[in-house]
Amino acid sequence: MEQKIEIHLEYIINSSPRILFPFIQEPNALSQWFADDVNFKDGIYEFIWDDEVNLARLASVKDNKSVRFKWIEDEPYYFEIEIIQDELTNDVALSITDFVKQDNLEDRKQIWNNSIGYLQSVIGAQ
């Protein structure tokens, strides 16, 4: 199996961590911007894109700060979304950690760019 590389992306979001956090953890909120549909059952998140189901377990959560989802069928890989707030300016950013095959790198970056654009429009942060 081809190794994946770790990528880090960061996006400025005009929102407060308290408003933003449910959109990175709750299934209904995630389905508004991240996946076509998101279901949660027995501790497992089902992320559905184009009728393809991907299962993940919530590996860690820090309230109003970050979530890490670990892929069940693609261990040890995960994706993490962290809310970062600058102490001086109070600017808020989302930091994304993901893993991708080298030949899919640009496509994955574009997917994240589009997804974060959807998130900003959903929360009115544009």
N, C-alpha and C. Protein backbone atom coordinates (compact mmCIF):
# COMPACT_ATOMS: atom_id res chain seq x y z
N MET A 1 0.84 -1.18 0.00
CA MET A 1 0.00 0.00 0.00
C MET A 1 0.88 1.25 0.00
N GLU A 2 0.53 2.20 -0.84
CA GLU A 2 1.30 3.42 -0.96
C GLU A 2 1.20 4.25 0.32
N GLN A 3 2.35 4.74 0.77
CA GLN A 3 2.38 5.57 1.96
C GLN A 3 1.70 6.91 1.67
N LYS A 4 1.12 7.48 2.69
CA LYS A 4 0.52 8.80 2.57
C LYS A 4 1.41 9.81 3.28
N ILE A 5 1.32 11.05 2.81
CA ILE A 5 2.08 12.11 3.44
C ILE A 5 1.14 12.98 4.26
N GLU A 6 1.68 13.56 5.32
CA GLU A 6 0.89 14.42 6.18
C GLU A 6 0.89 15.83 5.60
N ILE A 7 -0.30 16.43 5.54
CA ILE A 7 -0.41 17.81 5.08
C ILE A 7 -1.07 18.66 6.16
N HIS A 8 -0.72 19.94 6.14
CA HIS A 8 -1.29 20.91 7.08
C HIS A 8 -1.80 22.09 6.28
N LEU A 9 -3.04 22.46 6.52
CA LEU A 9 -3.65 23.61 5.86
C LEU A 9 -4.24 24.51 6.94
N GLU A 10 -4.30 25.80 6.65
CA GLU A 10 -4.87 26.73 7.63
C GLU A 10 -5.75 27.74 6.91
N TYR A 11 -6.91 28.01 7.51
CA TYR A 11 -7.89 28.92 6.92
C TYR A 11 -8.37 29.89 7.99
N ILE A 12 -8.38 31.18 7.64
CA ILE A 12 -8.95 32.20 8.53
C ILE A 12 -10.48 32.10 8.44
N ILE A 13 -11.13 32.06 9.59
CA ILE A 13 -12.59 31.95 9.65
C ILE A 13 -13.11 33.11 10.51
N ASN A 14 -14.02 33.88 9.97
CA ASN A 14 -14.59 35.00 10.73
C ASN A 14 -15.75 34.50 11.59
N SER A 15 -15.38 33.83 12.69
CA SER A 15 -16.38 33.27 13.60
C SER A 15 -15.72 33.05 14.95
N SER A 16 -16.53 32.82 15.95
CA SER A 16 -15.98 32.51 17.27
C SER A 16 -15.83 30.99 17.41
N PRO A 17 -14.88 30.55 18.22
CA PRO A 17 -14.72 29.11 18.44
C PRO A 17 -16.01 28.44 18.93
N ARG A 18 -16.77 29.14 19.76
CA ARG A 18 -18.01 28.57 20.32
C ARG A 18 -19.03 28.29 19.22
N ILE A 19 -19.13 29.17 18.24
CA ILE A 19 -20.06 28.97 17.12
C ILE A 19 -19.51 27.93 16.16
N LEU A 20 -18.20 27.95 15.94
CA LEU A 20 -17.56 27.08 14.96
C LEU A 20 -17.49 25.62 15.40
N PHE A 21 -17.29 25.38 16.68
CA PHE A 21 -17.03 24.03 17.17
C PHE A 21 -18.09 22.99 16.78
N PRO A 22 -19.39 23.27 16.93
CA PRO A 22 -20.37 22.25 16.54
C PRO A 22 -20.24 21.83 15.06
N PHE A 23 -19.77 22.74 14.22
CA PHE A 23 -19.63 22.43 12.79
C PHE A 23 -18.48 21.48 12.49
N ILE A 24 -17.60 21.27 13.45
CA ILE A 24 -16.51 20.32 13.23
C ILE A 24 -16.70 19.02 14.00
N GLN A 25 -17.79 18.93 14.79
CA GLN A 25 -18.00 17.71 15.59
C GLN A 25 -19.36 17.06 15.37
N GLU A 26 -20.42 17.83 15.28
CA GLU A 26 -21.77 17.26 15.24
C GLU A 26 -22.13 16.76 13.84
N PRO A 27 -22.67 15.54 13.74
CA PRO A 27 -22.98 14.95 12.43
C PRO A 27 -23.84 15.82 11.53
N ASN A 28 -24.93 16.40 12.07
CA ASN A 28 -25.80 17.22 11.24
C ASN A 28 -25.07 18.45 10.70
N ALA A 29 -24.24 19.05 11.53
CA ALA A 29 -23.48 20.23 11.11
C ALA A 29 -22.39 19.85 10.11
N LEU A 30 -21.72 18.71 10.33
CA LEU A 30 -20.70 18.25 9.38
C LEU A 30 -21.30 17.98 8.00
N SER A 31 -22.54 17.49 7.97
CA SER A 31 -23.16 17.18 6.67
C SER A 31 -23.55 18.45 5.92
N GLN A 32 -23.53 19.60 6.57
CA GLN A 32 -23.83 20.85 5.88
C GLN A 32 -22.66 21.37 5.06
N TRP A 33 -21.44 20.90 5.37
CA TRP A 33 -20.29 21.45 4.64
C TRP A 33 -19.21 20.42 4.31
N PHE A 34 -19.11 19.35 5.08
CA PHE A 34 -17.96 18.47 4.95
C PHE A 34 -18.21 17.25 4.06
N ALA A 35 -19.35 16.63 4.22
CA ALA A 35 -19.67 15.41 3.46
C ALA A 35 -21.11 15.51 2.96
N ASP A 36 -21.47 14.63 2.01
CA ASP A 36 -22.84 14.63 1.52
C ASP A 36 -23.82 14.29 2.64
N ASP A 37 -23.39 13.38 3.52
CA ASP A 37 -24.20 13.02 4.67
C ASP A 37 -23.26 12.49 5.75
N VAL A 38 -23.64 12.68 7.01
CA VAL A 38 -22.85 12.18 8.13
C VAL A 38 -23.83 11.57 9.13
N ASN A 39 -23.57 10.32 9.48
CA ASN A 39 -24.39 9.63 10.48
C ASN A 39 -23.50 9.22 11.63
N PHE A 40 -24.11 9.07 12.80
CA PHE A 40 -23.37 8.66 13.98
C PHE A 40 -24.13 7.55 14.67
N LYS A 41 -23.46 6.42 14.89
CA LYS A 41 -24.10 5.29 15.54
C LYS A 41 -23.04 4.46 16.25
N ASP A 42 -23.31 4.12 17.50
CA ASP A 42 -22.42 3.26 18.29
C ASP A 42 -20.98 3.77 18.30
N GLY A 43 -20.80 5.07 18.40
CA GLY A 43 -19.47 5.64 18.49
C GLY A 43 -18.73 5.77 17.17
N ILE A 44 -19.40 5.46 16.07
CA ILE A 44 -18.78 5.50 14.75
C ILE A 44 -19.47 6.56 13.89
N TYR A 45 -18.65 7.38 13.24
CA TYR A 45 -19.17 8.35 12.27
C TYR A 45 -19.12 7.72 10.88
N GLU A 46 -20.23 7.85 10.15
CA GLU A 46 -20.28 7.45 8.74
C GLU A 46 -20.23 8.72 7.91
N PHE A 47 -19.13 8.89 7.17
CA PHE A 47 -19.01 10.02 6.25
C PHE A 47 -19.34 9.49 4.86
N ILE A 48 -20.31 10.11 4.22
CA ILE A 48 -20.76 9.63 2.91
C ILE A 48 -20.48 10.69 1.85
N TRP A 49 -19.72 10.28 0.83
CA TRP A 49 -19.44 11.11 -0.33
C TRP A 49 -19.80 10.29 -1.57
N ASP A 50 -20.63 10.84 -2.44
CA ASP A 50 -20.99 10.15 -3.69
C ASP A 50 -21.36 8.69 -3.46
N ASP A 51 -22.20 8.43 -2.47
CA ASP A 51 -22.68 7.09 -2.12
C ASP A 51 -21.59 6.16 -1.60
N GLU A 52 -20.41 6.67 -1.32
CA GLU A 52 -19.34 5.87 -0.75
C GLU A 52 -19.25 6.18 0.75
N VAL A 53 -19.32 5.13 1.57
CA VAL A 53 -19.31 5.29 3.03
C VAL A 53 -17.89 5.09 3.55
N ASN A 54 -17.44 6.04 4.36
CA ASN A 54 -16.15 5.94 5.03
C ASN A 54 -16.41 6.04 6.53
N LEU A 55 -15.88 5.09 7.28
CA LEU A 55 -16.13 5.02 8.72
C LEU A 55 -14.95 5.58 9.50
N ALA A 56 -15.27 6.35 10.54
CA ALA A 56 -14.23 6.92 11.38
C ALA A 56 -14.70 6.93 12.83
N ARG A 57 -13.74 6.86 13.71
CA ARG A 57 -14.01 6.93 15.14
C ARG A 57 -13.47 8.27 15.63
N LEU A 58 -14.20 8.92 16.52
CA LEU A 58 -13.74 10.16 17.12
C LEU A 58 -12.61 9.80 18.08
N ALA A 59 -11.38 10.08 17.68
CA ALA A 59 -10.22 9.67 18.46
C ALA A 59 -9.94 10.62 19.62
N SER A 60 -10.22 11.91 19.41
CA SER A 60 -10.05 12.86 20.50
C SER A 60 -10.89 14.10 20.23
N VAL A 61 -11.28 14.74 21.31
CA VAL A 61 -12.07 15.98 21.20
C VAL A 61 -11.68 16.88 22.37
N LYS A 62 -11.45 18.14 22.06
CA LYS A 62 -11.21 19.17 23.07
C LYS A 62 -12.26 20.24 22.81
N ASP A 63 -13.16 20.43 23.76
CA ASP A 63 -14.28 21.35 23.58
C ASP A 63 -13.84 22.71 23.09
N ASN A 64 -14.52 23.17 22.04
CA ASN A 64 -14.27 24.48 21.42
C ASN A 64 -12.84 24.64 20.92
N LYS A 65 -12.14 23.49 20.69
CA LYS A 65 -10.73 23.55 20.30
C LYS A 65 -10.40 22.63 19.12
N SER A 66 -10.67 21.32 19.24
CA SER A 66 -10.24 20.42 18.16
C SER A 66 -10.98 19.09 18.19
N VAL A 67 -10.99 18.44 17.03
CA VAL A 67 -11.48 17.07 16.90
C VAL A 67 -10.52 16.30 16.01
N ARG A 68 -10.35 15.02 16.32
CA ARG A 68 -9.54 14.13 15.48
C ARG A 68 -10.38 12.89 15.20
N PHE A 69 -10.54 12.61 13.92
CA PHE A 69 -11.25 11.43 13.47
C PHE A 69 -10.24 10.44 12.91
N LYS A 70 -10.28 9.20 13.39
CA LYS A 70 -9.37 8.16 12.92
C LYS A 70 -10.13 7.23 11.98
N TRP A 71 -9.61 7.08 10.77
CA TRP A 71 -10.26 6.23 9.77
C TRP A 71 -10.18 4.76 10.20
N ILE A 72 -11.29 4.07 10.21
CA ILE A 72 -11.32 2.68 10.65
C ILE A 72 -10.67 1.76 9.63
N GLU A 73 -10.95 1.99 8.36
CA GLU A 73 -10.43 1.10 7.32
C GLU A 73 -9.14 1.62 6.69
N ASP A 74 -8.57 2.67 7.25
CA ASP A 74 -7.35 3.24 6.69
C ASP A 74 -6.41 3.67 7.82
N GLU A 75 -6.32 2.81 8.84
CA GLU A 75 -5.43 3.13 9.96
C GLU A 75 -3.99 3.03 9.48
N PRO A 76 -3.10 3.80 10.00
CA PRO A 76 -3.21 4.66 11.17
C PRO A 76 -3.62 6.10 10.82
N TYR A 77 -4.17 6.30 9.64
CA TYR A 77 -4.43 7.67 9.18
C TYR A 77 -5.67 8.28 9.84
N TYR A 78 -5.65 9.59 9.91
CA TYR A 78 -6.72 10.36 10.55
C TYR A 78 -6.80 11.72 9.89
N PHE A 79 -7.80 12.48 10.27
CA PHE A 79 -7.79 13.90 9.96
C PHE A 79 -8.18 14.64 11.22
N GLU A 80 -7.59 15.81 11.38
CA GLU A 80 -7.82 16.61 12.57
C GLU A 80 -8.17 18.03 12.14
N ILE A 81 -9.14 18.60 12.83
CA ILE A 81 -9.53 19.99 12.61
C ILE A 81 -9.37 20.70 13.94
N GLU A 82 -8.53 21.73 13.95
CA GLU A 82 -8.26 22.46 15.18
C GLU A 82 -8.63 23.93 15.00
N ILE A 83 -9.31 24.47 16.00
CA ILE A 83 -9.65 25.88 16.02
C ILE A 83 -8.54 26.61 16.76
N ILE A 84 -7.94 27.59 16.09
CA ILE A 84 -6.85 28.36 16.67
C ILE A 84 -7.30 29.81 16.78
N GLN A 85 -7.16 30.38 17.97
CA GLN A 85 -7.52 31.78 18.16
C GLN A 85 -6.28 32.55 18.61
N ASP A 86 -5.92 33.58 17.84
CA ASP A 86 -4.78 34.42 18.15
C ASP A 86 -5.07 35.21 19.43
N GLU A 87 -4.17 35.13 20.39
CA GLU A 87 -4.39 35.78 21.68
C GLU A 87 -4.39 37.31 21.58
N LEU A 88 -3.65 37.85 20.64
CA LEU A 88 -3.56 39.31 20.51
C LEU A 88 -4.70 39.89 19.69
N THR A 89 -4.96 39.28 18.54
CA THR A 89 -5.95 39.85 17.61
C THR A 89 -7.33 39.21 17.73
N ASN A 90 -7.42 38.07 18.40
CA ASN A 90 -8.64 37.27 18.49
C ASN A 90 -9.07 36.69 17.15
N ASP A 91 -8.22 36.79 16.11
CA ASP A 91 -8.53 36.15 14.83
C ASP A 91 -8.65 34.64 15.04
N VAL A 92 -9.58 34.03 14.32
CA VAL A 92 -9.82 32.60 14.43
C VAL A 92 -9.45 31.92 13.11
N ALA A 93 -8.77 30.79 13.22
CA ALA A 93 -8.40 30.01 12.05
C ALA A 93 -8.71 28.55 12.31
N LEU A 94 -8.94 27.82 11.22
CA LEU A 94 -9.04 26.36 11.29
C LEU A 94 -7.74 25.79 10.74
N SER A 95 -7.14 24.92 11.52
CA SER A 95 -5.95 24.21 11.10
C SER A 95 -6.36 22.77 10.79
N ILE A 96 -6.03 22.33 9.59
CA ILE A 96 -6.40 20.99 9.12
C ILE A 96 -5.14 20.14 9.02
N THR A 97 -5.18 18.95 9.58
CA THR A 97 -4.14 17.95 9.38
C THR A 97 -4.81 16.77 8.69
N ASP A 98 -4.23 16.34 7.58
CA ASP A 98 -4.80 15.25 6.81
C ASP A 98 -3.66 14.44 6.22
N PHE A 99 -3.98 13.28 5.70
CA PHE A 99 -2.98 12.42 5.06
C PHE A 99 -3.47 12.09 3.65
N VAL A 100 -2.56 12.13 2.69
CA VAL A 100 -2.94 11.97 1.30
C VAL A 100 -1.79 11.30 0.53
N LYS A 101 -2.16 10.54 -0.49
CA LYS A 101 -1.15 9.99 -1.38
C LYS A 101 -0.56 11.14 -2.19
N GLN A 102 0.73 11.06 -2.44
CA GLN A 102 1.45 12.15 -3.12
C GLN A 102 0.77 12.57 -4.43
N ASP A 103 0.31 11.60 -5.21
CA ASP A 103 -0.29 11.94 -6.51
C ASP A 103 -1.70 12.53 -6.39
N ASN A 104 -2.27 12.55 -5.18
CA ASN A 104 -3.59 13.17 -4.96
C ASN A 104 -3.48 14.47 -4.17
N LEU A 105 -2.28 14.96 -3.96
CA LEU A 105 -2.06 16.11 -3.08
C LEU A 105 -2.84 17.35 -3.53
N GLU A 106 -2.71 17.75 -4.78
CA GLU A 106 -3.39 18.96 -5.24
C GLU A 106 -4.90 18.81 -5.22
N ASP A 107 -5.40 17.62 -5.58
CA ASP A 107 -6.85 17.37 -5.52
C ASP A 107 -7.36 17.50 -4.09
N ARG A 108 -6.63 16.93 -3.14
CA ARG A 108 -7.07 16.98 -1.74
C ARG A 108 -7.07 18.41 -1.22
N LYS A 109 -6.04 19.19 -1.58
CA LYS A 109 -6.02 20.60 -1.17
C LYS A 109 -7.24 21.33 -1.72
N GLN A 110 -7.59 21.06 -2.98
CA GLN A 110 -8.74 21.73 -3.59
C GLN A 110 -10.04 21.31 -2.90
N ILE A 111 -10.14 20.04 -2.53
CA ILE A 111 -11.32 19.57 -1.80
C ILE A 111 -11.45 20.31 -0.48
N TRP A 112 -10.35 20.44 0.26
CA TRP A 112 -10.39 21.18 1.53
C TRP A 112 -10.75 22.65 1.29
N ASN A 113 -10.15 23.26 0.26
CA ASN A 113 -10.48 24.67 -0.05
C ASN A 113 -11.97 24.83 -0.30
N ASN A 114 -12.54 23.93 -1.10
CA ASN A 114 -13.98 24.00 -1.40
C ASN A 114 -14.82 23.76 -0.15
N SER A 115 -14.43 22.77 0.64
CA SER A 115 -15.19 22.44 1.85
C SER A 115 -15.19 23.60 2.84
N ILE A 116 -14.05 24.22 3.04
CA ILE A 116 -13.97 25.35 3.97
C ILE A 116 -14.77 26.53 3.41
N GLY A 117 -14.78 26.70 2.10
CA GLY A 117 -15.63 27.73 1.49
C GLY A 117 -17.10 27.48 1.79
N TYR A 118 -17.53 26.22 1.70
CA TYR A 118 -18.91 25.87 2.06
C TYR A 118 -19.18 26.17 3.53
N LEU A 119 -18.23 25.81 4.39
CA LEU A 119 -18.39 26.06 5.82
C LEU A 119 -18.57 27.56 6.08
N GLN A 120 -17.74 28.37 5.45
CA GLN A 120 -17.83 29.82 5.68
C GLN A 120 -19.19 30.36 5.23
N SER A 121 -19.74 29.83 4.14
CA SER A 121 -21.04 30.32 3.70
C SER A 121 -22.15 29.82 4.64
N VAL A 122 -22.03 28.59 5.16
CA VAL A 122 -23.03 28.04 6.08
C VAL A 122 -23.11 28.85 7.37
N ILE A 123 -21.95 29.24 7.90
CA ILE A 123 -21.95 29.98 9.17
C ILE A 123 -21.99 31.49 8.96
N GLY A 124 -22.02 31.93 7.71
CA GLY A 124 -22.07 33.37 7.43
C GLY A 124 -20.79 34.09 7.76
N ALA A 125 -19.67 33.42 7.52
CA ALA A 125 -18.37 33.98 7.92
C ALA A 125 -17.57 34.53 6.74
N GLN A 126 -18.23 34.88 5.66
CA GLN A 126 -17.48 35.39 4.50
C GLN A 126 -17.43 36.88 4.49
